[in-house]
Amino acid sequence: TFSYVLIPWDDSEPLQQLSLRNPTDLQESLGCLTTELQGHFRKYGGSVGDEGKEALKKSLQEQMEKQGSSKGTEVDPKMLAQMASSQTVDIVQLLPATEASKWYGVTMYVDDKG
């Protein structure tokens, strides 16, 4: 197992030291923390409200126009709903694991909603 620290977005909530079993399979091991955090962010990260959906819709329409799709093309509501409910995790390296840090590394995982 390995340990990680959960720092909540709400500063009135306490820090939590959590642990996760490190899978023996290399492929599972590479993504186990990201997979775990996607579930956490999906549960606690909130959802995209109407304002966010409109911004997403506008962004998608602009991207479609840049790629040569005809102007005024409507974004498929099913695709919009799927994009709004998707969950990704961004990884930011704060301290690389190097000899100078005695091979300890610090990485921040944040959800795509901010």
Foldseek 3Di string as FASTA:
>chain_A
DDWDWDDDPPNVDDIDIDDDDQDPDPVCNVCVVQVVVQVVCLVPVDFQDPVNLVVVQVVVLVVCVVVPHDHPDGDDPVVSVVVRSDKGKDKAWDAQQDVVVVRDTDIDIDIPVD
